[in-house]
Amino acid sequence: HLLQAAAEPCLAALASWIYRGVVADPYDEFMLVGFEGVSPQSLAEDANSAYWTGRYRLRQEGVPGLLRPLAPLVLAAGKHIN
């Protein structure tokens, strides 16, 4: 029960990212960080724009060990939804 309770906030943030493309991280602890001020309109001009490459990034120290091998895929999943 303790592990489940401890993992609940992380799993909720992960679900928010994977299913809605939203970083829900009120305490700045999640494995992803979003940077405001990068415009999604830049994607229309350049697929490798700052929005795609810089709007969301992995926070390496926040990636749980079990998710470390999957972290790039988790990042890409939410980016595609967003």
PDB file of N, CA and C in Angstrom:
ATOM      1  N   HIS A   1       0.807  -1.192   0.000  1.00  0.00           N
ATOM      2  CA  HIS A   1       0.000   0.000   0.000  1.00  0.00           C
ATOM      3  C   HIS A   1       0.857   1.266   0.000  1.00  0.00           C
ATOM      4  N   LEU A   2       1.995   1.206   0.652  1.00  0.00           N
ATOM      5  CA  LEU A   2       2.861   2.370   0.736  1.00  0.00           C
ATOM      6  C   LEU A   2       3.421   2.734  -0.645  1.00  0.00           C
ATOM      7  N   LEU A   3       3.888   1.739  -1.396  1.00  0.00           N
ATOM      8  CA  LEU A   3       4.423   1.999  -2.736  1.00  0.00           C
ATOM      9  C   LEU A   3       3.344   2.588  -3.643  1.00  0.00           C
ATOM     10  N   GLN A   4       2.156   2.050  -3.576  1.00  0.00           N
ATOM     11  CA  GLN A   4       1.052   2.546  -4.393  1.00  0.00           C
ATOM     12  C   GLN A   4       0.743   4.007  -4.059  1.00  0.00           C
ATOM     13  N   ALA A   5       0.690   4.310  -2.791  1.00  0.00           N
ATOM     14  CA  ALA A   5       0.400   5.684  -2.363  1.00  0.00           C
ATOM     15  C   ALA A   5       1.515   6.641  -2.779  1.00  0.00           C
ATOM     16  N   ALA A   6       2.758   6.176  -2.668  1.00  0.00           N
ATOM     17  CA  ALA A   6       3.895   7.022  -3.035  1.00  0.00           C
ATOM     18  C   ALA A   6       3.962   7.258  -4.542  1.00  0.00           C
ATOM     19  N   ALA A   7       3.546   6.268  -5.330  1.00  0.00           N
ATOM     20  CA  ALA A   7       3.624   6.372  -6.789  1.00  0.00           C
ATOM     21  C   ALA A   7       2.447   7.128  -7.402  1.00  0.00           C
ATOM     22  N   GLU A   8       1.386   7.307  -6.648  1.00  0.00           N
ATOM     23  CA  GLU A   8       0.165   7.905  -7.190  1.00  0.00           C
ATOM     24  C   GLU A   8       0.370   9.276  -7.841  1.00  0.00           C
ATOM     25  N   PRO A   9       1.071  10.225  -7.218  1.00  0.00           N
ATOM     26  CA  PRO A   9       1.263  11.527  -7.876  1.00  0.00           C
ATOM     27  C   PRO A   9       2.055  11.420  -9.178  1.00  0.00           C
ATOM     28  N   CYS A  10       3.063  10.587  -9.183  1.00  0.00           N
ATOM     29  CA  CYS A  10       3.874  10.392 -10.391  1.00  0.00           C
ATOM     30  C   CYS A  10       3.036   9.779 -11.507  1.00  0.00           C
ATOM     31  N   LEU A  11       2.235   8.787 -11.169  1.00  0.00           N
ATOM     32  CA  LEU A  11       1.388   8.135 -12.168  1.00  0.00           C
ATOM     33  C   LEU A  11       0.310   9.083 -12.700  1.00  0.00           C
ATOM     34  N   ALA A  12      -0.202   9.936 -11.852  1.00  0.00           N
ATOM     35  CA  ALA A  12      -1.199  10.918 -12.296  1.00  0.00           C
ATOM     36  C   ALA A  12      -0.562  11.912 -13.270  1.00  0.00           C
ATOM     37  N   ALA A  13       0.631  12.381 -12.964  1.00  0.00           N
ATOM     38  CA  ALA A  13       1.338  13.303 -13.856  1.00  0.00           C
ATOM     39  C   ALA A  13       1.686  12.620 -15.169  1.00  0.00           C
ATOM     40  N   LEU A  14       2.096  11.367 -15.090  1.00  0.00           N
ATOM     41  CA  LEU A  14       2.425  10.594 -16.289  1.00  0.00           C
ATOM     42  C   LEU A  14       1.191  10.409 -17.173  1.00  0.00           C
ATOM     43  N   ALA A  15       0.065  10.074 -16.586  1.00  0.00           N
ATOM     44  CA  ALA A  15      -1.180   9.898 -17.340  1.00  0.00           C
ATOM     45  C   ALA A  15      -1.613  11.212 -17.981  1.00  0.00           C
ATOM     46  N   SER A  16      -1.476  12.313 -17.270  1.00  0.00           N
ATOM     47  CA  SER A  16      -1.831  13.621 -17.810  1.00  0.00           C
ATOM     48  C   SER A  16      -0.985  13.936 -19.046  1.00  0.00           C
ATOM     49  N   TRP A  17       0.277  13.603 -18.993  1.00  0.00           N
ATOM     50  CA  TRP A  17       1.173  13.862 -20.108  1.00  0.00           C
ATOM     51  C   TRP A  17       0.880  12.936 -21.293  1.00  0.00           C
ATOM     52  N   ILE A  18       0.764  11.657 -21.036  1.00  0.00           N
ATOM     53  CA  ILE A  18       0.592  10.686 -22.123  1.00  0.00           C
ATOM     54  C   ILE A  18      -0.763  10.820 -22.812  1.00  0.00           C
ATOM     55  N   TYR A  19      -1.822  11.038 -22.039  1.00  0.00           N
ATOM     56  CA  TYR A  19      -3.163  11.049 -22.622  1.00  0.00           C
ATOM     57  C   TYR A  19      -3.673  12.424 -23.042  1.00  0.00           C
ATOM     58  N   ARG A  20      -3.084  13.501 -22.455  1.00  0.00           N
ATOM     59  CA  ARG A  20      -3.571  14.849 -22.781  1.00  0.00           C
ATOM     60  C   ARG A  20      -2.484  15.792 -23.265  1.00  0.00           C
ATOM     61  N   GLY A  21      -1.213  15.385 -23.133  1.00  0.00           N
ATOM     62  CA  GLY A  21      -0.113  16.252 -23.534  1.00  0.00           C
ATOM     63  C   GLY A  21       0.057  17.447 -22.620  1.00  0.00           C
ATOM     64  N   VAL A  22      -0.324  17.272 -21.352  1.00  0.00           N
ATOM     65  CA  VAL A  22      -0.282  18.366 -20.376  1.00  0.00           C
ATOM     66  C   VAL A  22       0.665  17.992 -19.240  1.00  0.00           C
ATOM     67  N   VAL A  23       1.599  18.888 -18.945  1.00  0.00           N
ATOM     68  CA  VAL A  23       2.486  18.679 -17.797  1.00  0.00           C
ATOM     69  C   VAL A  23       1.751  19.185 -16.565  1.00  0.00           C
ATOM     70  N   ALA A  24       1.309  18.257 -15.715  1.00  0.00           N
ATOM     71  CA  ALA A  24       0.617  18.595 -14.471  1.00  0.00           C
ATOM     72  C   ALA A  24       1.609  18.369 -13.331  1.00  0.00           C
ATOM     73  N   ASP A  25       2.332  19.418 -12.983  1.00  0.00           N
ATOM     74  CA  ASP A  25       3.432  19.296 -12.030  1.00  0.00           C
ATOM     75  C   ASP A  25       3.478  20.508 -11.096  1.00  0.00           C
ATOM     76  N   PRO A  26       2.550  20.577 -10.143  1.00  0.00           N
ATOM     77  CA  PRO A  26       2.491  21.765  -9.277  1.00  0.00           C
ATOM     78  C   PRO A  26       3.709  21.932  -8.369  1.00  0.00           C
ATOM     79  N   TYR A  27       4.464  20.860  -8.134  1.00  0.00           N
ATOM     80  CA  TYR A  27       5.613  20.951  -7.226  1.00  0.00           C
ATOM     81  C   TYR A  27       6.951  20.883  -7.951  1.00  0.00           C
ATOM     82  N   ASP A  28       6.919  20.937  -9.292  1.00  0.00           N
ATOM     83  CA  ASP A  28       8.142  20.951 -10.097  1.00  0.00           C
ATOM     84  C   ASP A  28       9.030  19.730  -9.817  1.00  0.00           C
ATOM     85  N   GLU A  29       8.396  18.544  -9.830  1.00  0.00           N
ATOM     86  CA  GLU A  29       9.119  17.300  -9.539  1.00  0.00           C
ATOM     87  C   GLU A  29       9.041  16.277 -10.675  1.00  0.00           C
ATOM     88  N   PHE A  30       8.184  16.515 -11.661  1.00  0.00           N
ATOM     89  CA  PHE A  30       7.935  15.523 -12.703  1.00  0.00           C
ATOM     90  C   PHE A  30       9.155  15.367 -13.610  1.00  0.00           C
ATOM     91  N   MET A  31       9.196  14.270 -14.327  1.00  0.00           N
ATOM     92  CA  MET A  31      10.325  13.950 -15.191  1.00  0.00           C
ATOM     93  C   MET A  31      10.404  14.814 -16.442  1.00  0.00           C
ATOM     94  N   LEU A  32       9.363  15.594 -16.702  1.00  0.00           N
ATOM     95  CA  LEU A  32       9.343  16.506 -17.847  1.00  0.00           C
ATOM     96  C   LEU A  32       9.166  17.924 -17.360  1.00  0.00           C
ATOM     97  N   VAL A  33       9.738  18.830 -18.095  1.00  0.00           N
ATOM     98  CA  VAL A  33       9.571  20.236 -17.778  1.00  0.00           C
ATOM     99  C   VAL A  33       9.147  20.960 -19.055  1.00  0.00           C
ATOM    100  N   GLY A  34       8.180  21.856 -18.914  1.00  0.00           N
ATOM    101  CA  GLY A  34       7.719  22.648 -20.045  1.00  0.00           C
ATOM    102  C   GLY A  34       8.257  24.056 -19.954  1.00  0.00           C
ATOM    103  N   PHE A  35       8.622  24.613 -21.091  1.00  0.00           N
ATOM    104  CA  PHE A  35       9.138  25.971 -21.145  1.00  0.00           C
ATOM    105  C   PHE A  35       8.123  26.844 -21.870  1.00  0.00           C
ATOM    106  N   GLU A  36       7.579  27.811 -21.170  1.00  0.00           N
ATOM    107  CA  GLU A  36       6.589  28.727 -21.736  1.00  0.00           C
ATOM    108  C   GLU A  36       7.272  29.682 -22.713  1.00  0.00           C
ATOM    109  N   GLY A  37       6.481  30.266 -23.549  1.00  0.00           N
ATOM    110  CA  GLY A  37       7.012  31.281 -24.454  1.00  0.00           C
ATOM    111  C   GLY A  37       7.500  30.746 -25.783  1.00  0.00           C
ATOM    112  N   VAL A  38       7.430  29.434 -26.003  1.00  0.00           N
ATOM    113  CA  VAL A  38       7.811  28.867 -27.286  1.00  0.00           C
ATOM    114  C   VAL A  38       6.518  28.609 -28.049  1.00  0.00           C
ATOM    115  N   SER A  39       6.374  29.216 -29.192  1.00  0.00           N
ATOM    116  CA  SER A  39       5.117  29.226 -29.927  1.00  0.00           C
ATOM    117  C   SER A  39       4.914  27.981 -30.789  1.00  0.00           C
ATOM    118  N   PRO A  40       3.724  27.341 -30.711  1.00  0.00           N
ATOM    119  CA  PRO A  40       3.440  26.201 -31.575  1.00  0.00           C
ATOM    120  C   PRO A  40       3.283  26.603 -33.040  1.00  0.00           C
ATOM    121  N   GLN A  41       3.059  27.873 -33.342  1.00  0.00           N
ATOM    122  CA  GLN A  41       2.923  28.316 -34.723  1.00  0.00           C
ATOM    123  C   GLN A  41       4.217  28.122 -35.507  1.00  0.00           C
ATOM    124  N   SER A  42       5.349  28.060 -34.829  1.00  0.00           N
ATOM    125  CA  SER A  42       6.620  27.876 -35.518  1.00  0.00           C
ATOM    126  C   SER A  42       6.703  26.511 -36.196  1.00  0.00           C
ATOM    127  N   LEU A  43       5.871  25.554 -35.768  1.00  0.00           N
ATOM    128  CA  LEU A  43       5.868  24.233 -36.404  1.00  0.00           C
ATOM    129  C   LEU A  43       5.379  24.298 -37.846  1.00  0.00           C
ATOM    130  N   ALA A  44       4.524  25.246 -38.161  1.00  0.00           N
ATOM    131  CA  ALA A  44       4.012  25.379 -39.525  1.00  0.00           C
ATOM    132  C   ALA A  44       5.134  25.741 -40.493  1.00  0.00           C
ATOM    133  N   GLU A  45       6.138  26.422 -40.000  1.00  0.00           N
ATOM    134  CA  GLU A  45       7.247  26.856 -40.842  1.00  0.00           C
ATOM    135  C   GLU A  45       8.401  25.863 -40.846  1.00  0.00           C
ATOM    136  N   ASP A  46       8.621  25.183 -39.742  1.00  0.00           N
ATOM    137  CA  ASP A  46       9.779  24.308 -39.610  1.00  0.00           C
ATOM    138  C   ASP A  46       9.460  23.184 -38.644  1.00  0.00           C
ATOM    139  N   ALA A  47       9.476  21.943 -39.143  1.00  0.00           N
ATOM    140  CA  ALA A  47       9.141  20.787 -38.301  1.00  0.00           C
ATOM    141  C   ALA A  47      10.137  20.592 -37.158  1.00  0.00           C
ATOM    142  N   ASN A  48      11.339  21.096 -37.299  1.00  0.00           N
ATOM    143  CA  ASN A  48      12.347  20.983 -36.237  1.00  0.00           C
ATOM    144  C   ASN A  48      12.473  22.295 -35.464  1.00  0.00           C
ATOM    145  N   SER A  49      11.390  23.007 -35.381  1.00  0.00           N
ATOM    146  CA  SER A  49      11.402  24.324 -34.744  1.00  0.00           C
ATOM    147  C   SER A  49      11.722  24.220 -33.251  1.00  0.00           C
ATOM    148  N   ALA A  50      11.916  25.379 -32.661  1.00  0.00           N
ATOM    149  CA  ALA A  50      12.186  25.450 -31.220  1.00  0.00           C
ATOM    150  C   ALA A  50      11.028  24.877 -30.420  1.00  0.00           C
ATOM    151  N   TYR A  51       9.803  24.988 -30.967  1.00  0.00           N
ATOM    152  CA  TYR A  51       8.667  24.430 -30.232  1.00  0.00           C
ATOM    153  C   TYR A  51       8.828  22.928 -30.058  1.00  0.00           C
ATOM    154  N   TRP A  52       9.139  22.233 -31.128  1.00  0.00           N
ATOM    155  CA  TRP A  52       9.248  20.776 -31.052  1.00  0.00           C
ATOM    156  C   TRP A  52      10.452  20.352 -30.226  1.00  0.00           C
ATOM    157  N   THR A  53      11.581  21.019 -30.421  1.00  0.00           N
ATOM    158  CA  THR A  53      12.809  20.593 -29.750  1.00  0.00           C
ATOM    159  C   THR A  53      12.982  21.180 -28.354  1.00  0.00           C
ATOM    160  N   GLY A  54      12.349  22.332 -28.088  1.00  0.00           N
ATOM    161  CA  GLY A  54      12.631  22.992 -26.822  1.00  0.00           C
ATOM    162  C   GLY A  54      11.463  23.235 -25.895  1.00  0.00           C
ATOM    163  N   ARG A  55      10.233  23.065 -26.363  1.00  0.00           N
ATOM    164  CA  ARG A  55       9.075  23.371 -25.520  1.00  0.00           C
ATOM    165  C   ARG A  55       8.995  22.454 -24.310  1.00  0.00           C
ATOM    166  N   TYR A  56       9.298  21.174 -24.513  1.00  0.00           N
ATOM    167  CA  TYR A  56       9.293  20.198 -23.419  1.00  0.00           C
ATOM    168  C   TYR A  56      10.601  19.427 -23.443  1.00  0.00           C
ATOM    169  N   ARG A  57      11.136  19.196 -22.262  1.00  0.00           N
ATOM    170  CA  ARG A  57      12.398  18.447 -22.153  1.00  0.00           C
ATOM    171  C   ARG A  57      12.339  17.508 -20.962  1.00  0.00           C
ATOM    172  N   LEU A  58      13.189  16.504 -21.022  1.00  0.00           N
ATOM    173  CA  LEU A  58      13.317  15.576 -19.894  1.00  0.00           C
ATOM    174  C   LEU A  58      14.116  16.242 -18.783  1.00  0.00           C
ATOM    175  N   ARG A  59      13.703  16.011 -17.575  1.00  0.00           N
ATOM    176  CA  ARG A  59      14.466  16.417 -16.397  1.00  0.00           C
ATOM    177  C   ARG A  59      15.100  15.130 -15.883  1.00  0.00           C
ATOM    178  N   GLN A  60      16.332  14.894 -16.236  1.00  0.00           N
ATOM    179  CA  GLN A  60      16.987  13.606 -15.973  1.00  0.00           C
ATOM    180  C   GLN A  60      16.906  13.185 -14.508  1.00  0.00           C
ATOM    181  N   GLU A  61      17.067  14.126 -13.593  1.00  0.00           N
ATOM    182  CA  GLU A  61      17.042  13.767 -12.172  1.00  0.00           C
ATOM    183  C   GLU A  61      15.642  13.399 -11.697  1.00  0.00           C
ATOM    184  N   GLY A  62      14.631  13.703 -12.494  1.00  0.00           N
ATOM    185  CA  GLY A  62      13.262  13.380 -12.123  1.00  0.00           C
ATOM    186  C   GLY A  62      12.728  12.099 -12.737  1.00  0.00           C
ATOM    187  N   VAL A  63      13.523  11.454 -13.606  1.00  0.00           N
ATOM    188  CA  VAL A  63      13.072  10.236 -14.276  1.00  0.00           C
ATOM    189  C   VAL A  63      13.219   9.050 -13.319  1.00  0.00           C
ATOM    190  N   PRO A  64      12.117   8.382 -12.993  1.00  0.00           N
ATOM    191  CA  PRO A  64      12.222   7.194 -12.136  1.00  0.00           C
ATOM    192  C   PRO A  64      13.052   6.111 -12.824  1.00  0.00           C
ATOM    193  N   GLY A  65      13.787   5.366 -12.042  1.00  0.00           N
ATOM    194  CA  GLY A  65      14.662   4.323 -12.587  1.00  0.00           C
ATOM    195  C   GLY A  65      13.954   3.354 -13.522  1.00  0.00           C
ATOM    196  N   LEU A  66      12.733   2.968 -13.158  1.00  0.00           N
ATOM    197  CA  LEU A  66      11.992   2.019 -13.994  1.00  0.00           C
ATOM    198  C   LEU A  66      11.618   2.611 -15.353  1.00  0.00           C
ATOM    199  N   LEU A  67      11.497   3.923 -15.432  1.00  0.00           N
ATOM    200  CA  LEU A  67      11.114   4.573 -16.681  1.00  0.00           C
ATOM    201  C   LEU A  67      12.298   5.093 -17.488  1.00  0.00           C
ATOM    202  N   ARG A  68      13.494   4.997 -16.945  1.00  0.00           N
ATOM    203  CA  ARG A  68      14.668   5.558 -17.621  1.00  0.00           C
ATOM    204  C   ARG A  68      14.809   5.069 -19.067  1.00  0.00           C
ATOM    205  N   PRO A  69      14.672   3.769 -19.345  1.00  0.00           N
ATOM    206  CA  PRO A  69      14.801   3.329 -20.740  1.00  0.00           C
ATOM    207  C   PRO A  69      13.667   3.839 -21.643  1.00  0.00           C
ATOM    208  N   LEU A  70      12.527   4.148 -21.057  1.00  0.00           N
ATOM    209  CA  LEU A  70      11.364   4.584 -21.830  1.00  0.00           C
ATOM    210  C   LEU A  70      11.181   6.098 -21.857  1.00  0.00           C
ATOM    211  N   ALA A  71      12.019   6.830 -21.155  1.00  0.00           N
ATOM    212  CA  ALA A  71      11.846   8.272 -21.013  1.00  0.00           C
ATOM    213  C   ALA A  71      11.746   9.008 -22.360  1.00  0.00           C
ATOM    214  N   PRO A  72      12.598   8.714 -23.355  1.00  0.00           N
ATOM    215  CA  PRO A  72      12.447   9.413 -24.639  1.00  0.00           C
ATOM    216  C   PRO A  72      11.101   9.126 -25.312  1.00  0.00           C
ATOM    217  N   LEU A  73      10.594   7.914 -25.158  1.00  0.00           N
ATOM    218  CA  LEU A  73       9.296   7.570 -25.737  1.00  0.00           C
ATOM    219  C   LEU A  73       8.160   8.285 -25.010  1.00  0.00           C
ATOM    220  N   VAL A  74       8.270   8.405 -23.703  1.00  0.00           N
ATOM    221  CA  VAL A  74       7.264   9.127 -22.918  1.00  0.00           C
ATOM    222  C   VAL A  74       7.251  10.594 -23.350  1.00  0.00           C
ATOM    223  N   LEU A  75       8.424  11.178 -23.512  1.00  0.00           N
ATOM    224  CA  LEU A  75       8.525  12.570 -23.962  1.00  0.00           C
ATOM    225  C   LEU A  75       7.853  12.734 -25.328  1.00  0.00           C
ATOM    226  N   ALA A  76       8.163  11.859 -26.252  1.00  0.00           N
ATOM    227  CA  ALA A  76       7.590  11.948 -27.609  1.00  0.00           C
ATOM    228  C   ALA A  76       6.087  11.741 -27.599  1.00  0.00           C
ATOM    229  N   ALA A  77       5.581  10.853 -26.769  1.00  0.00           N
ATOM    230  CA  ALA A  77       4.138  10.572 -26.718  1.00  0.00           C
ATOM    231  C   ALA A  77       3.355  11.835 -26.370  1.00  0.00           C
ATOM    232  N   GLY A  78       3.756  12.523 -25.336  1.00  0.00           N
ATOM    233  CA  GLY A  78       3.061  13.738 -24.941  1.00  0.00           C
ATOM    234  C   GLY A  78       3.227  14.866 -25.946  1.00  0.00           C
ATOM    235  N   LYS A  79       4.398  14.948 -26.568  1.00  0.00           N
ATOM    236  CA  LYS A  79       4.611  15.967 -27.588  1.00  0.00           C
ATOM    237  C   LYS A  79       3.653  15.788 -28.751  1.00  0.00           C
ATOM    238  N   HIS A  80       3.460  14.552 -29.159  1.00  0.00           N
ATOM    239  CA  HIS A  80       2.557  14.285 -30.282  1.00  0.00           C
ATOM    240  C   HIS A  80       1.115  14.633 -29.939  1.00  0.00           C
ATOM    241  N   ILE A  81       0.712  14.397 -28.706  1.00  0.00           N
ATOM    242  CA  ILE A  81      -0.647  14.736 -28.284  1.00  0.00           C
ATOM    243  C   ILE A  81      -0.802  16.253 -28.217  1.00  0.00           C
ATOM    244  N   ASN A  82       0.202  16.902 -27.647  1.00  0.00           N
ATOM    245  CA  ASN A  82       0.157  18.346 -27.451  1.00  0.00           C
ATOM    246  C   ASN A  82       0.151  19.030 -28.788  1.00  0.00           C
TER     247      ASN A  82
END
